[in-house]
Amino acid sequence: MRLLQITGPGGINDLRFVEKPIPTPGEGEVVLRVTAASLNRRDLTMISSTSAPGTPQPPFTPMSDAAGVVHAVGPGVTCVKKDDRVTSLFFQKWMDGPINSEVRWATVPSMVHDGVAAEYVTLLAQGVHPVPVGLTDQEGATLPCAALTAWRAMFEDAGLQSGAKIVVQGTGGVSIFALQFGAAMGMEVVVTSSSDEKLERAKALGAAHTVNYRTHPDWGAEVKKAVGSAGVDFVLGVGGAGNLAQSLDAIGLGGHIAIVGMLGGAEEVLPFRALTGKNAKLQGVSVGNRAMFGRMAAAIEQHAIKPVIDKVYPFAEAIEAFRAMKAGDLFGKIVIDLESK
């Protein structure tokens, strides 16, 4: 089989295709024939910061999100069978309940063992989930990180209901899923972006209001003009200098701010006065567990939600897909098609 590896500390420039034998599953494992894989910002960090704590040392195979067909099952596996169409789960051992250190990073693809940028990959049998009915493998591959992060932030943590007013920052993978979930569930969604063209596309997906944060740096005030002076119930934050201050301006009393990314940097001043004055909740979110994925998959089927894919690359052009992710300017997800060589 062919797989992609990061072979040194040089980031994208050290990505190489290599050949290895197709693996054999051990007890409690499955081997997945990968048909599609999707990229996350995290994948760039993994190949570019190989000296960071918890990052495997090269060579290793990157990427964590895939869909495909079960090629073989190991001894003792009864929850999945050969030829099942499944997606990988990011946290292979976090099945339900609160997160803890034992299940958090254990066996995350591309962390403890090789990732899914390969024609065949070994995963835990409990670490895969059926592709939601109505989705292609390419669409299913977008779900493990981006979709589940948005779902958890909105419904598992914030407990949002129909009629809620929410802000979604940007048009990357997590943000577009949040827009789609919100629109499907009857919420009043505000989308922010620096691109008027992307904001028009967001309207087509169900955004009730849009704000160009480059045109309106104090975008929190613009949000309140759109939804009313009481502000919104929820903000999906993707990070950035001054971002938290504007989120707190837009949020209403007792509102919830979910931080799901670090696009503008890993540190920001915390406006304590606004946080306490609004009695707001501020929570970091990193994906979710299998039970959450199951509830999300059911909602995707019920509402016929179709993931938004920005561009699909054949496996032979996987390195170019990484370059596109680094360049940014995305609307939805980048997918690698492993059936197109």
C-alpha atoms as a PDB file:
ATOM      1  CA  MET A   1       0.000   0.000   0.000  1.00  0.00           C
ATOM      2  CA  ARG A   2       0.978   3.633  -0.431  1.00  0.00           C
ATOM      3  CA  LEU A   3       0.994   6.169   2.371  1.00  0.00           C
ATOM      4  CA  LEU A   4       2.113   9.715   3.060  1.00  0.00           C
ATOM      5  CA  GLN A   5       4.776  10.355   5.712  1.00  0.00           C
ATOM      6  CA  ILE A   6       6.376  13.373   7.308  1.00  0.00           C
ATOM      7  CA  THR A   7      10.078  12.456   7.162  1.00  0.00           C
ATOM      8  CA  GLY A   8      11.729  15.414   8.877  1.00  0.00           C
ATOM      9  CA  PRO A   9      11.231  18.782  10.622  1.00  0.00           C
ATOM     10  CA  GLY A  10      10.612  20.746   7.435  1.00  0.00           C
ATOM     11  CA  GLY A  11       6.822  20.650   7.394  1.00  0.00           C
ATOM     12  CA  ILE A  12       5.206  20.303   3.969  1.00  0.00           C
ATOM     13  CA  ASN A  13       8.614  20.144   2.271  1.00  0.00           C
ATOM     14  CA  ASP A  14       9.339  16.916   4.162  1.00  0.00           C
ATOM     15  CA  LEU A  15       6.168  15.078   3.132  1.00  0.00           C
ATOM     16  CA  ARG A  16       6.929  11.955   1.072  1.00  0.00           C
ATOM     17  CA  PHE A  17       4.997   9.008  -0.365  1.00  0.00           C
ATOM     18  CA  VAL A  18       6.278   5.600   0.754  1.00  0.00           C
ATOM     19  CA  GLU A  19       5.252   1.951   0.328  1.00  0.00           C
ATOM     20  CA  LYS A  20       4.467  -0.488   3.154  1.00  0.00           C
ATOM     21  CA  PRO A  21       2.682  -3.835   3.470  1.00  0.00           C
ATOM     22  CA  ILE A  22      -1.054  -3.750   4.183  1.00  0.00           C
ATOM     23  CA  PRO A  23      -1.394  -4.146   7.976  1.00  0.00           C
ATOM     24  CA  THR A  24      -3.084  -7.039   9.754  1.00  0.00           C
ATOM     25  CA  PRO A  25      -5.540  -6.149  12.547  1.00  0.00           C
ATOM     26  CA  GLY A  26      -4.846  -7.273  16.089  1.00  0.00           C
ATOM     27  CA  GLU A  27      -7.372  -8.089  18.794  1.00  0.00           C
ATOM     28  CA  GLY A  28     -10.075  -5.416  18.974  1.00  0.00           C
ATOM     29  CA  GLU A  29      -8.831  -3.716  15.802  1.00  0.00           C
ATOM     30  CA  VAL A  30      -9.979  -3.212  12.233  1.00  0.00           C
ATOM     31  CA  VAL A  31      -8.075  -2.367   9.086  1.00  0.00           C
ATOM     32  CA  LEU A  32      -9.822   0.363   7.115  1.00  0.00           C
ATOM     33  CA  ARG A  33      -9.401   0.706   3.374  1.00  0.00           C
ATOM     34  CA  VAL A  34      -9.367   4.481   3.232  1.00  0.00           C
ATOM     35  CA  THR A  35     -11.366   5.978   0.382  1.00  0.00           C
ATOM     36  CA  ALA A  36     -11.304   9.627   1.513  1.00  0.00           C
ATOM     37  CA  ALA A  37      -9.579  11.761   4.139  1.00  0.00           C
ATOM     38  CA  SER A  38     -10.092  15.387   5.140  1.00  0.00           C
ATOM     39  CA  LEU A  39      -7.601  17.978   6.310  1.00  0.00           C
ATOM     40  CA  ASN A  40      -7.715  20.065   9.487  1.00  0.00           C
ATOM     41  CA  ARG A  41      -5.553  22.974  10.611  1.00  0.00           C
ATOM     42  CA  ARG A  42      -4.236  20.593  13.259  1.00  0.00           C
ATOM     43  CA  ASP A  43      -2.621  18.492  10.525  1.00  0.00           C
ATOM     44  CA  LEU A  44      -0.422  21.435   9.534  1.00  0.00           C
ATOM     45  CA  THR A  45       0.620  21.908  13.154  1.00  0.00           C
ATOM     46  CA  MET A  46       1.484  18.225  13.495  1.00  0.00           C
ATOM     47  CA  ILE A  47       3.892  18.207  10.544  1.00  0.00           C
ATOM     48  CA  SER A  48       5.331  21.669  11.224  1.00  0.00           C
ATOM     49  CA  SER A  49       5.936  21.460  14.994  1.00  0.00           C
ATOM     50  CA  THR A  50       7.459  18.016  15.367  1.00  0.00           C
ATOM     51  CA  SER A  51       9.369  19.148  18.473  1.00  0.00           C
ATOM     52  CA  ALA A  52       6.170  20.100  20.340  1.00  0.00           C
ATOM     53  CA  PRO A  53       5.242  17.935  23.353  1.00  0.00           C
ATOM     54  CA  GLY A  54       3.058  14.977  22.383  1.00  0.00           C
ATOM     55  CA  THR A  55       3.937  15.141  18.698  1.00  0.00           C
ATOM     56  CA  PRO A  56       5.376  11.926  17.233  1.00  0.00           C
ATOM     57  CA  GLN A  57       8.886  12.039  15.889  1.00  0.00           C
ATOM     58  CA  PRO A  58       9.307  11.610  12.119  1.00  0.00           C
ATOM     59  CA  PRO A  59       8.718   9.502  10.221  1.00  0.00           C
ATOM     60  CA  PHE A  60       4.976   9.199  10.829  1.00  0.00           C
ATOM     61  CA  THR A  61       1.788   9.351   8.782  1.00  0.00           C
ATOM     62  CA  PRO A  62      -0.318  12.484   9.366  1.00  0.00           C
ATOM     63  CA  MET A  63      -4.065  13.174   9.375  1.00  0.00           C
ATOM     64  CA  SER A  64      -6.841  11.891  11.625  1.00  0.00           C
ATOM     65  CA  ASP A  65     -10.118  12.109   9.648  1.00  0.00           C
ATOM     66  CA  ALA A  66     -11.080   9.419   7.166  1.00  0.00           C
ATOM     67  CA  ALA A  67     -13.887   7.370   5.718  1.00  0.00           C
ATOM     68  CA  GLY A  68     -13.753   4.068   3.930  1.00  0.00           C
ATOM     69  CA  VAL A  69     -14.597   0.388   3.947  1.00  0.00           C
ATOM     70  CA  VAL A  70     -13.619  -2.130   6.615  1.00  0.00           C
ATOM     71  CA  HIS A  71     -11.037  -4.369   4.942  1.00  0.00           C
ATOM     72  CA  ALA A  72     -10.448  -6.820   7.800  1.00  0.00           C
ATOM     73  CA  VAL A  73     -11.434  -7.293  11.445  1.00  0.00           C
ATOM     74  CA  GLY A  74      -9.263  -8.631  14.239  1.00  0.00           C
ATOM     75  CA  PRO A  75     -10.023 -11.288  16.853  1.00  0.00           C
ATOM     76  CA  GLY A  76     -12.903 -10.506  19.188  1.00  0.00           C
ATOM     77  CA  VAL A  77     -14.441  -7.789  16.997  1.00  0.00           C
ATOM     78  CA  THR A  78     -18.243  -8.005  16.836  1.00  0.00           C
ATOM     79  CA  CYS A  79     -19.329  -4.344  16.636  1.00  0.00           C
ATOM     80  CA  VAL A  80     -18.251  -3.915  13.018  1.00  0.00           C
ATOM     81  CA  LYS A  81     -17.800  -6.286  10.102  1.00  0.00           C
ATOM     82  CA  LYS A  82     -15.910  -6.538   6.841  1.00  0.00           C
ATOM     83  CA  ASP A  83     -17.197  -4.215   4.071  1.00  0.00           C
ATOM     84  CA  ASP A  84     -18.962  -1.817   6.480  1.00  0.00           C
ATOM     85  CA  ARG A  85     -18.742   1.857   5.415  1.00  0.00           C
ATOM     86  CA  VAL A  86     -17.386   3.836   8.355  1.00  0.00           C
ATOM     87  CA  THR A  87     -15.660   7.024   9.422  1.00  0.00           C
ATOM     88  CA  SER A  88     -12.736   7.158  11.814  1.00  0.00           C
ATOM     89  CA  LEU A  89     -13.234   8.710  15.247  1.00  0.00           C
ATOM     90  CA  PHE A  90     -10.679  11.238  16.474  1.00  0.00           C
ATOM     91  CA  PHE A  91     -10.622  10.036  20.098  1.00  0.00           C
ATOM     92  CA  GLN A  92     -10.381   6.277  19.614  1.00  0.00           C
ATOM     93  CA  LYS A  93     -10.995   5.484  23.305  1.00  0.00           C
ATOM     94  CA  TRP A  94     -13.333   8.290  24.417  1.00  0.00           C
ATOM     95  CA  MET A  95     -16.669   6.554  24.169  1.00  0.00           C
ATOM     96  CA  ASP A  96     -18.893   8.636  26.489  1.00  0.00           C
ATOM     97  CA  GLY A  97     -18.882  10.771  29.616  1.00  0.00           C
ATOM     98  CA  PRO A  98     -16.410  13.517  30.543  1.00  0.00           C
ATOM     99  CA  ILE A  99     -12.946  13.698  29.047  1.00  0.00           C
ATOM    100  CA  ASN A 100     -10.005  12.390  31.056  1.00  0.00           C
ATOM    101  CA  SER A 101      -6.290  12.016  30.468  1.00  0.00           C
ATOM    102  CA  GLU A 102      -6.507   8.257  29.886  1.00  0.00           C
ATOM    103  CA  VAL A 103      -8.849   8.474  26.904  1.00  0.00           C
ATOM    104  CA  ARG A 104      -7.976  11.919  25.578  1.00  0.00           C
ATOM    105  CA  TRP A 105      -4.891  11.343  23.450  1.00  0.00           C
ATOM    106  CA  ALA A 106      -4.612   7.572  23.647  1.00  0.00           C
ATOM    107  CA  THR A 107      -4.538   6.179  20.101  1.00  0.00           C
ATOM    108  CA  VAL A 108      -5.528   9.425  18.363  1.00  0.00           C
ATOM    109  CA  PRO A 109      -4.609   8.826  14.702  1.00  0.00           C
ATOM    110  CA  SER A 110      -1.333  10.634  13.881  1.00  0.00           C
ATOM    111  CA  MET A 111      -0.522  11.059  17.603  1.00  0.00           C
ATOM    112  CA  VAL A 112       0.239   7.708  19.244  1.00  0.00           C
ATOM    113  CA  HIS A 113       0.165   5.753  15.998  1.00  0.00           C
ATOM    114  CA  ASP A 114       0.163   6.505  12.280  1.00  0.00           C
ATOM    115  CA  GLY A 115      -2.589   8.648  10.846  1.00  0.00           C
ATOM    116  CA  VAL A 116      -5.011   8.046   8.014  1.00  0.00           C
ATOM    117  CA  ALA A 117      -3.143   9.500   5.001  1.00  0.00           C
ATOM    118  CA  ALA A 118      -2.728   5.938   3.760  1.00  0.00           C
ATOM    119  CA  GLU A 119      -4.539   3.468   1.559  1.00  0.00           C
ATOM    120  CA  TYR A 120      -5.025   1.178   4.582  1.00  0.00           C
ATOM    121  CA  VAL A 121      -4.925   2.089   8.278  1.00  0.00           C
ATOM    122  CA  THR A 122      -5.381   0.185  11.555  1.00  0.00           C
ATOM    123  CA  LEU A 123      -7.961   1.584  13.995  1.00  0.00           C
ATOM    124  CA  LEU A 124      -9.733   0.337  17.084  1.00  0.00           C
ATOM    125  CA  ALA A 125     -13.033  -1.346  16.262  1.00  0.00           C
ATOM    126  CA  GLN A 126     -14.715   0.969  18.751  1.00  0.00           C
ATOM    127  CA  GLY A 127     -12.967   3.884  17.038  1.00  0.00           C
ATOM    128  CA  VAL A 128     -15.050   3.839  13.865  1.00  0.00           C
ATOM    129  CA  HIS A 129     -18.683   4.806  13.245  1.00  0.00           C
ATOM    130  CA  PRO A 130     -21.068   4.119  10.342  1.00  0.00           C
ATOM    131  CA  VAL A 131     -21.145   6.855   7.703  1.00  0.00           C
ATOM    132  CA  PRO A 132     -24.477   8.720   8.073  1.00  0.00           C
ATOM    133  CA  VAL A 133     -27.067   7.605   5.546  1.00  0.00           C
ATOM    134  CA  GLY A 134     -27.111   9.870   2.495  1.00  0.00           C
ATOM    135  CA  LEU A 135     -23.463  10.928   2.659  1.00  0.00           C
ATOM    136  CA  THR A 136     -20.673   9.924   0.308  1.00  0.00           C
ATOM    137  CA  ASP A 137     -17.344   8.747   1.698  1.00  0.00           C
ATOM    138  CA  GLN A 138     -15.836  12.134   0.844  1.00  0.00           C
ATOM    139  CA  GLU A 139     -18.555  13.855   2.862  1.00  0.00           C
ATOM    140  CA  GLY A 140     -18.252  11.334   5.693  1.00  0.00           C
ATOM    141  CA  ALA A 141     -14.521  12.022   5.946  1.00  0.00           C
ATOM    142  CA  THR A 142     -15.233  15.644   6.915  1.00  0.00           C
ATOM    143  CA  LEU A 143     -17.097  14.702  10.098  1.00  0.00           C
ATOM    144  CA  PRO A 144     -14.635  13.362  12.730  1.00  0.00           C
ATOM    145  CA  CYS A 145     -13.081  16.688  13.816  1.00  0.00           C
ATOM    146  CA  ALA A 146     -14.781  19.681  12.210  1.00  0.00           C
ATOM    147  CA  ALA A 147     -18.400  18.573  12.390  1.00  0.00           C
ATOM    148  CA  LEU A 148     -18.126  17.006  15.845  1.00  0.00           C
ATOM    149  CA  THR A 149     -16.350  20.048  17.278  1.00  0.00           C
ATOM    150  CA  ALA A 150     -19.187  22.301  16.092  1.00  0.00           C
ATOM    151  CA  TRP A 151     -21.841  19.847  17.296  1.00  0.00           C
ATOM    152  CA  ARG A 152     -20.317  19.448  20.748  1.00  0.00           C
ATOM    153  CA  ALA A 153     -19.835  23.195  21.233  1.00  0.00           C
ATOM    154  CA  MET A 154     -23.413  23.999  20.249  1.00  0.00           C
ATOM    155  CA  PHE A 155     -25.495  21.131  21.591  1.00  0.00           C
ATOM    156  CA  GLU A 156     -23.505  19.097  24.108  1.00  0.00           C
ATOM    157  CA  ASP A 157     -21.866  22.030  25.930  1.00  0.00           C
ATOM    158  CA  ALA A 158     -24.060  25.078  25.261  1.00  0.00           C
ATOM    159  CA  GLY A 159     -27.352  23.155  25.001  1.00  0.00           C
ATOM    160  CA  LEU A 160     -28.688  25.368  22.220  1.00  0.00           C
ATOM    161  CA  GLN A 161     -32.315  25.072  21.142  1.00  0.00           C
ATOM    162  CA  SER A 162     -34.381  26.229  18.185  1.00  0.00           C
ATOM    163  CA  GLY A 163     -34.734  30.005  18.186  1.00  0.00           C
ATOM    164  CA  ALA A 164     -31.288  30.662  19.640  1.00  0.00           C
ATOM    165  CA  LYS A 165     -29.269  33.562  18.256  1.00  0.00           C
ATOM    166  CA  ILE A 166     -25.684  32.626  17.446  1.00  0.00           C
ATOM    167  CA  VAL A 167     -22.510  34.031  15.892  1.00  0.00           C
ATOM    168  CA  VAL A 168     -20.280  31.834  13.738  1.00  0.00           C
ATOM    169  CA  GLN A 169     -16.832  33.247  13.019  1.00  0.00           C
ATOM    170  CA  GLY A 170     -15.317  32.550   9.629  1.00  0.00           C
ATOM    171  CA  THR A 171     -16.022  30.026   6.888  1.00  0.00           C
ATOM    172  CA  GLY A 172     -13.624  27.167   7.651  1.00  0.00           C
ATOM    173  CA  GLY A 173     -14.722  23.609   8.290  1.00  0.00           C
ATOM    174  CA  VAL A 174     -15.947  23.944  11.895  1.00  0.00           C
ATOM    175  CA  SER A 175     -17.651  27.262  11.201  1.00  0.00           C
ATOM    176  CA  ILE A 176     -19.555  26.058   8.147  1.00  0.00           C
ATOM    177  CA  PHE A 177     -20.801  23.017  10.045  1.00  0.00           C
ATOM    178  CA  ALA A 178     -21.961  25.319  12.860  1.00  0.00           C
ATOM    179  CA  LEU A 179     -23.828  27.441  10.315  1.00  0.00           C
ATOM    180  CA  GLN A 180     -25.471  24.367   8.806  1.00  0.00           C
ATOM    181  CA  PHE A 181     -26.433  22.904  12.193  1.00  0.00           C
ATOM    182  CA  GLY A 182     -27.811  26.238  13.352  1.00  0.00           C
ATOM    183  CA  ALA A 183     -29.835  26.847  10.206  1.00  0.00           C
ATOM    184  CA  ALA A 184     -31.213  23.292  10.230  1.00  0.00           C
ATOM    185  CA  MET A 185     -32.277  23.622  13.882  1.00  0.00           C
ATOM    186  CA  GLY A 186     -34.122  26.923  13.422  1.00  0.00           C
ATOM    187  CA  MET A 187     -31.545  29.310  14.867  1.00  0.00           C
ATOM    188  CA  GLU A 188     -30.839  32.903  13.870  1.00  0.00           C
ATOM    189  CA  VAL A 189     -27.259  32.651  12.610  1.00  0.00           C
ATOM    190  CA  VAL A 190     -24.840  35.549  12.138  1.00  0.00           C
ATOM    191  CA  VAL A 191     -21.685  34.770  10.139  1.00  0.00           C
ATOM    192  CA  THR A 192     -18.564  36.954  10.210  1.00  0.00           C
ATOM    193  CA  SER A 193     -15.882  36.970   7.527  1.00  0.00           C
ATOM    194  CA  SER A 194     -13.482  39.349   5.798  1.00  0.00           C
ATOM    195  CA  SER A 195     -14.849  38.316   2.384  1.00  0.00           C
ATOM    196  CA  ASP A 196     -18.141  39.652   1.038  1.00  0.00           C
ATOM    197  CA  GLU A 197     -18.163  36.826  -1.506  1.00  0.00           C
ATOM    198  CA  LYS A 198     -17.982  34.198   1.260  1.00  0.00           C
ATOM    199  CA  LEU A 199     -20.674  36.017   3.219  1.00  0.00           C
ATOM    200  CA  GLU A 200     -22.987  35.731   0.220  1.00  0.00           C
ATOM    201  CA  ARG A 201     -22.303  32.005   0.097  1.00  0.00           C
ATOM    202  CA  ALA A 202     -23.043  31.817   3.833  1.00  0.00           C
ATOM    203  CA  LYS A 203     -26.438  33.407   3.208  1.00  0.00           C
ATOM    204  CA  ALA A 204     -27.198  30.688   0.679  1.00  0.00           C
ATOM    205  CA  LEU A 205     -26.535  28.119   3.429  1.00  0.00           C
ATOM    206  CA  GLY A 206     -28.973  29.781   5.812  1.00  0.00           C
ATOM    207  CA  ALA A 207     -27.164  32.673   7.508  1.00  0.00           C
ATOM    208  CA  ALA A 208     -29.761  35.236   8.618  1.00  0.00           C
ATOM    209  CA  HIS A 209     -27.198  38.034   8.951  1.00  0.00           C
ATOM    210  CA  THR A 210     -23.579  38.609   7.906  1.00  0.00           C
ATOM    211  CA  VAL A 211     -20.870  40.991   9.101  1.00  0.00           C
ATOM    212  CA  ASN A 212     -17.593  41.780   7.346  1.00  0.00           C
ATOM    213  CA  TYR A 213     -15.177  42.184  10.246  1.00  0.00           C
ATOM    214  CA  ARG A 214     -12.631  43.945   8.065  1.00  0.00           C
ATOM    215  CA  THR A 215     -15.173  46.598   7.148  1.00  0.00           C
ATOM    216  CA  HIS A 216     -16.487  46.628  10.728  1.00  0.00           C
ATOM    217  CA  PRO A 217     -13.597  45.922  13.161  1.00  0.00           C
ATOM    218  CA  ASP A 218     -16.012  46.471  16.068  1.00  0.00           C
ATOM    219  CA  TRP A 219     -18.155  43.671  14.739  1.00  0.00           C
ATOM    220  CA  GLY A 220     -19.776  42.943  18.090  1.00  0.00           C
ATOM    221  CA  ALA A 221     -21.786  46.160  17.772  1.00  0.00           C
ATOM    222  CA  GLU A 222     -22.824  45.207  14.236  1.00  0.00           C
ATOM    223  CA  VAL A 223     -24.074  41.858  15.488  1.00  0.00           C
ATOM    224  CA  LYS A 224     -26.310  43.584  18.056  1.00  0.00           C
ATOM    225  CA  LYS A 225     -27.663  45.897  15.368  1.00  0.00           C
ATOM    226  CA  ALA A 226     -28.686  42.776  13.454  1.00  0.00           C
ATOM    227  CA  VAL A 227     -30.189  40.650  16.247  1.00  0.00           C
ATOM    228  CA  GLY A 228     -31.167  43.236  18.844  1.00  0.00           C
ATOM    229  CA  SER A 229     -29.425  45.004  21.692  1.00  0.00           C
ATOM    230  CA  ALA A 230     -29.734  41.992  24.024  1.00  0.00           C
ATOM    231  CA  GLY A 231     -27.082  40.237  21.944  1.00  0.00           C
ATOM    232  CA  VAL A 232     -26.665  36.585  21.016  1.00  0.00           C
ATOM    233  CA  ASP A 233     -26.829  33.395  23.042  1.00  0.00           C
ATOM    234  CA  PHE A 234     -23.708  31.768  21.634  1.00  0.00           C
ATOM    235  CA  VAL A 235     -20.486  32.613  19.799  1.00  0.00           C
ATOM    236  CA  LEU A 236     -18.307  30.077  18.006  1.00  0.00           C
ATOM    237  CA  GLY A 237     -14.842  31.662  18.309  1.00  0.00           C
ATOM    238  CA  VAL A 238     -11.866  30.791  16.140  1.00  0.00           C
ATOM    239  CA  GLY A 239      -9.293  32.983  17.910  1.00  0.00           C
ATOM    240  CA  GLY A 240      -7.427  36.114  16.937  1.00  0.00           C
ATOM    241  CA  ALA A 241      -6.250  39.382  18.435  1.00  0.00           C
ATOM    242  CA  GLY A 242      -9.198  41.289  19.887  1.00  0.00           C
ATOM    243  CA  ASN A 243     -11.551  38.463  18.958  1.00  0.00           C
ATOM    244  CA  LEU A 244     -12.607  37.669  22.502  1.00  0.00           C
ATOM    245  CA  ALA A 245     -13.434  41.295  23.282  1.00  0.00           C
ATOM    246  CA  GLN A 246     -15.755  41.474  20.283  1.00  0.00           C
ATOM    247  CA  SER A 247     -17.321  38.125  21.162  1.00  0.00           C
ATOM    248  CA  LEU A 248     -18.075  39.413  24.661  1.00  0.00           C
ATOM    249  CA  ASP A 249     -19.572  42.578  23.174  1.00  0.00           C
ATOM    250  CA  ALA A 250     -21.872  40.503  20.954  1.00  0.00           C
ATOM    251  CA  ILE A 251     -22.897  38.000  23.619  1.00  0.00           C
ATOM    252  CA  GLY A 252     -25.942  38.491  25.799  1.00  0.00           C
ATOM    253  CA  LEU A 253     -26.268  37.964  29.542  1.00  0.00           C
ATOM    254  CA  GLY A 254     -25.416  34.397  30.476  1.00  0.00           C
ATOM    255  CA  GLY A 255     -24.251  33.633  26.945  1.00  0.00           C
ATOM    256  CA  HIS A 256     -21.778  30.941  25.940  1.00  0.00           C
ATOM    257  CA  ILE A 257     -18.539  31.461  24.002  1.00  0.00           C
ATOM    258  CA  ALA A 258     -16.870  28.352  22.583  1.00  0.00           C
ATOM    259  CA  ILE A 259     -13.222  28.653  21.564  1.00  0.00           C
ATOM    260  CA  VAL A 260     -12.489  26.090  18.854  1.00  0.00           C
ATOM    261  CA  GLY A 261      -9.365  27.432  17.172  1.00  0.00           C
ATOM    262  CA  MET A 262      -6.251  29.579  17.348  1.00  0.00           C
ATOM    263  CA  LEU A 263      -6.193  31.116  13.877  1.00  0.00           C
ATOM    264  CA  GLY A 264      -5.013  34.481  15.156  1.00  0.00           C
ATOM    265  CA  GLY A 265      -2.575  33.144  17.746  1.00  0.00           C
ATOM    266  CA  ALA A 266      -2.561  31.015  20.861  1.00  0.00           C
ATOM    267  CA  GLU A 267      -2.791  33.865  23.380  1.00  0.00           C
ATOM    268  CA  GLU A 268      -5.150  36.784  23.909  1.00  0.00           C
ATOM    269  CA  VAL A 269      -5.963  39.247  26.682  1.00  0.00           C
ATOM    270  CA  LEU A 270      -8.975  38.119  28.698  1.00  0.00           C
ATOM    271  CA  PRO A 271     -11.448  41.001  29.283  1.00  0.00           C
ATOM    272  CA  PHE A 272     -12.426  40.049  32.834  1.00  0.00           C
ATOM    273  CA  ARG A 273     -14.814  42.964  33.351  1.00  0.00           C
ATOM    274  CA  ALA A 274     -16.879  42.060  30.301  1.00  0.00           C
ATOM    275  CA  LEU A 275     -16.747  38.337  31.082  1.00  0.00           C
ATOM    276  CA  THR A 276     -18.021  38.758  34.634  1.00  0.00           C
ATOM    277  CA  GLY A 277     -20.414  41.591  33.758  1.00  0.00           C
ATOM    278  CA  LYS A 278     -22.123  39.419  31.165  1.00  0.00           C
ATOM    279  CA  ASN A 279     -22.005  36.332  33.420  1.00  0.00           C
ATOM    280  CA  ALA A 280     -20.750  34.650  30.271  1.00  0.00           C
ATOM    281  CA  LYS A 281     -19.409  31.121  29.937  1.00  0.00           C
ATOM    282  CA  LEU A 282     -16.083  30.653  28.126  1.00  0.00           C
ATOM    283  CA  GLN A 283     -15.150  27.117  27.106  1.00  0.00           C
ATOM    284  CA  GLY A 284     -12.441  25.542  25.018  1.00  0.00           C
ATOM    285  CA  VAL A 285     -13.554  22.670  22.776  1.00  0.00           C
ATOM    286  CA  SER A 286     -11.528  19.849  21.255  1.00  0.00           C
ATOM    287  CA  VAL A 287     -13.701  17.461  19.237  1.00  0.00           C
ATOM    288  CA  GLY A 288     -15.929  15.027  21.211  1.00  0.00           C
ATOM    289  CA  ASN A 289     -16.691  11.406  22.075  1.00  0.00           C
ATOM    290  CA  ARG A 290     -18.358   8.512  20.256  1.00  0.00           C
ATOM    291  CA  ALA A 291     -21.760   9.026  21.895  1.00  0.00           C
ATOM    292  CA  MET A 292     -21.759  12.657  20.740  1.00  0.00           C
ATOM    293  CA  PHE A 293     -20.829  11.528  17.231  1.00  0.00           C
ATOM    294  CA  GLY A 294     -23.811   9.174  17.212  1.00  0.00           C
ATOM    295  CA  ARG A 295     -26.223  11.957  18.162  1.00  0.00           C
ATOM    296  CA  MET A 296     -24.672  14.218  15.530  1.00  0.00           C
ATOM    297  CA  ALA A 297     -24.914  11.538  12.841  1.00  0.00           C
ATOM    298  CA  ALA A 298     -28.611  11.064  13.633  1.00  0.00           C
ATOM    299  CA  ALA A 299     -29.209  14.807  13.264  1.00  0.00           C
ATOM    300  CA  ILE A 300     -27.312  14.901   9.967  1.00  0.00           C
ATOM    301  CA  GLU A 301     -29.556  12.136   8.650  1.00  0.00           C
ATOM    302  CA  GLN A 302     -32.754  13.707  10.019  1.00  0.00           C
ATOM    303  CA  HIS A 303     -32.059  17.125   8.499  1.00  0.00           C
ATOM    304  CA  ALA A 304     -30.322  15.855   5.329  1.00  0.00           C
ATOM    305  CA  ILE A 305     -27.263  18.029   6.017  1.00  0.00           C
ATOM    306  CA  LYS A 306     -24.635  17.781   3.284  1.00  0.00           C
ATOM    307  CA  PRO A 307     -21.072  18.758   4.309  1.00  0.00           C
ATOM    308  CA  VAL A 308     -19.541  21.595   2.299  1.00  0.00           C
ATOM    309  CA  ILE A 309     -16.351  20.558   0.503  1.00  0.00           C
ATOM    310  CA  ASP A 310     -14.125  23.357  -0.786  1.00  0.00           C
ATOM    311  CA  LYS A 311     -11.963  21.170  -3.030  1.00  0.00           C
ATOM    312  CA  VAL A 312     -11.106  17.507  -3.603  1.00  0.00           C
ATOM    313  CA  TYR A 313      -7.535  16.400  -4.406  1.00  0.00           C
ATOM    314  CA  PRO A 314      -6.512  12.976  -5.737  1.00  0.00           C
ATOM    315  CA  PHE A 315      -4.158  11.102  -3.418  1.00  0.00           C
ATOM    316  CA  ALA A 316      -1.242  11.761  -5.766  1.00  0.00           C
ATOM    317  CA  GLU A 317      -1.740  15.492  -5.071  1.00  0.00           C
ATOM    318  CA  ALA A 318      -2.083  15.159  -1.300  1.00  0.00           C
ATOM    319  CA  ILE A 319       0.941  17.381  -0.682  1.00  0.00           C
ATOM    320  CA  GLU A 320      -0.722  20.110  -2.741  1.00  0.00           C
ATOM    321  CA  ALA A 321      -3.787  19.703  -0.522  1.00  0.00           C
ATOM    322  CA  PHE A 322      -1.597  20.523   2.484  1.00  0.00           C
ATOM    323  CA  ARG A 323      -0.332  23.614   0.657  1.00  0.00           C
ATOM    324  CA  ALA A 324      -3.919  24.707   0.004  1.00  0.00           C
ATOM    325  CA  MET A 325      -4.761  24.271   3.688  1.00  0.00           C
ATOM    326  CA  LYS A 326      -1.769  26.400   4.641  1.00  0.00           C
ATOM    327  CA  ALA A 327      -2.770  29.120   2.174  1.00  0.00           C
ATOM    328  CA  GLY A 328      -6.209  29.356   3.781  1.00  0.00           C
ATOM    329  CA  ASP A 329      -9.005  31.157   1.942  1.00  0.00           C
ATOM    330  CA  LEU A 330     -11.293  28.158   2.389  1.00  0.00           C
ATOM    331  CA  PHE A 331     -15.057  27.727   2.423  1.00  0.00           C
ATOM    332  CA  GLY A 332     -15.667  24.364   4.065  1.00  0.00           C
ATOM    333  CA  LYS A 333     -13.353  21.363   3.946  1.00  0.00           C
ATOM    334  CA  ILE A 334     -10.447  20.081   1.853  1.00  0.00           C
ATOM    335  CA  VAL A 335     -10.741  16.373   1.021  1.00  0.00           C
ATOM    336  CA  ILE A 336      -8.219  13.893  -0.392  1.00  0.00           C
ATOM    337  CA  ASP A 337      -9.720  11.176  -2.592  1.00  0.00           C
ATOM    338  CA  LEU A 338      -7.684   7.989  -2.146  1.00  0.00           C
ATOM    339  CA  GLU A 339      -9.632   6.161  -4.839  1.00  0.00           C
ATOM    340  CA  SER A 340      -8.382   8.699  -7.364  1.00  0.00           C
ATOM    341  CA  LYS A 341      -4.660   7.993  -7.583  1.00  0.00           C
END
